[in-house]
Amino acid sequence: MKPPPTPPSHAHPTGSTTLDPIATKLVSLGLEYPASVLPELLEEATREALSPLAFLDLLLSRQLERKDERRITTMLKLSGLPPGKTLEDFDWGFQPKADRRQLDTLATCHYLREKTNVLFLGPPGVGKSHLATALGVKAIKNGFSVNHYVLDDLMHVLKADAATPHARLRARRYFNCGLLIIDEIGFRPLDRMEANLFFRLVSARYERGSMLLTSNKHVRDWPEIFAGDEILTTAILDRLLHHVAVVHIDGQSYRLRELGALLSPNREGPRATDSRTN
């Protein structure tokens, strides 16, 4: 067992004693962050005239905050979510047809507790991927595990696991995460094997965990995505749409807006490229 990290040397604000013995005990108890900022905490307690109980609450709260920050950072890395896409930086003014109240409701993550799916439908470039990612970030901050895939990448993983027994598949993150996000459904048709693997995934997660999907095609056109098989598509949709929130976004494309700005003869100079997609 590794010895606990040596706490930083702290002088008491009065200068009469050091805080090192207390910091050492905090580190031994796993409270590394309060140990590292103990002088600041004591100064705050003195400034605010905190009672001993209030000071203890402050110390523990700071440790829990740091622990949660580390959890969020780790879960974001494991999720595969594209970075830098949140609800706060979504351009609502450019996309007024996006129902902000509906998105704010989804951001509470109640749908995850109810094992409800979410389906984003709309043409390319209107912000579906951005909003799907933003909801994934909200889910992680609310304590849910998230796994994000573009459909093509997911197909590679499902094919690699095609021969894996169903019981062992339960350990895969895309099976057991609280929210599985599948982006870009509809950009190419799946073959028969891929469509069957997708059905197996949907069936395994049905009423066990939420799925969030983005598609540039209306569900009535989904048979052409799933190997042209209307029966299989119906079986997939039957499970996906049983408990679902559908978000329709119809509007201009962010990418085309930027292209128009670049091609405009009246533009004053180059503009920053908007990173929003789908």
Foldseek 3Di string as FASTA:
>chain_A
DDDFDQFDWAAAPVNPGTCRVVLNVCSVVVLNVCSNCVNVLVVVCVVVVPDPVVSVVVSVVVSVVVVLVVQLVVLVVVAPQDPDQAPVPDDCVQFVLFDVVVLVVVLVVVCLVQQFAEEEEAAKARFLSSSLSNSVSSCVSVPWHHHEDALVVVLVVLVVCVPPDPVVCCPDCLLQTQEYEYEEQPPAADAQVSLVSVLVSLVSSQSPHYYYYYYHDDLVPCCRRHNVDPVSSCSSCCRNVPGYDYTYGYHDHLQVVQVCQVPDPPHPDHDDRDPGID
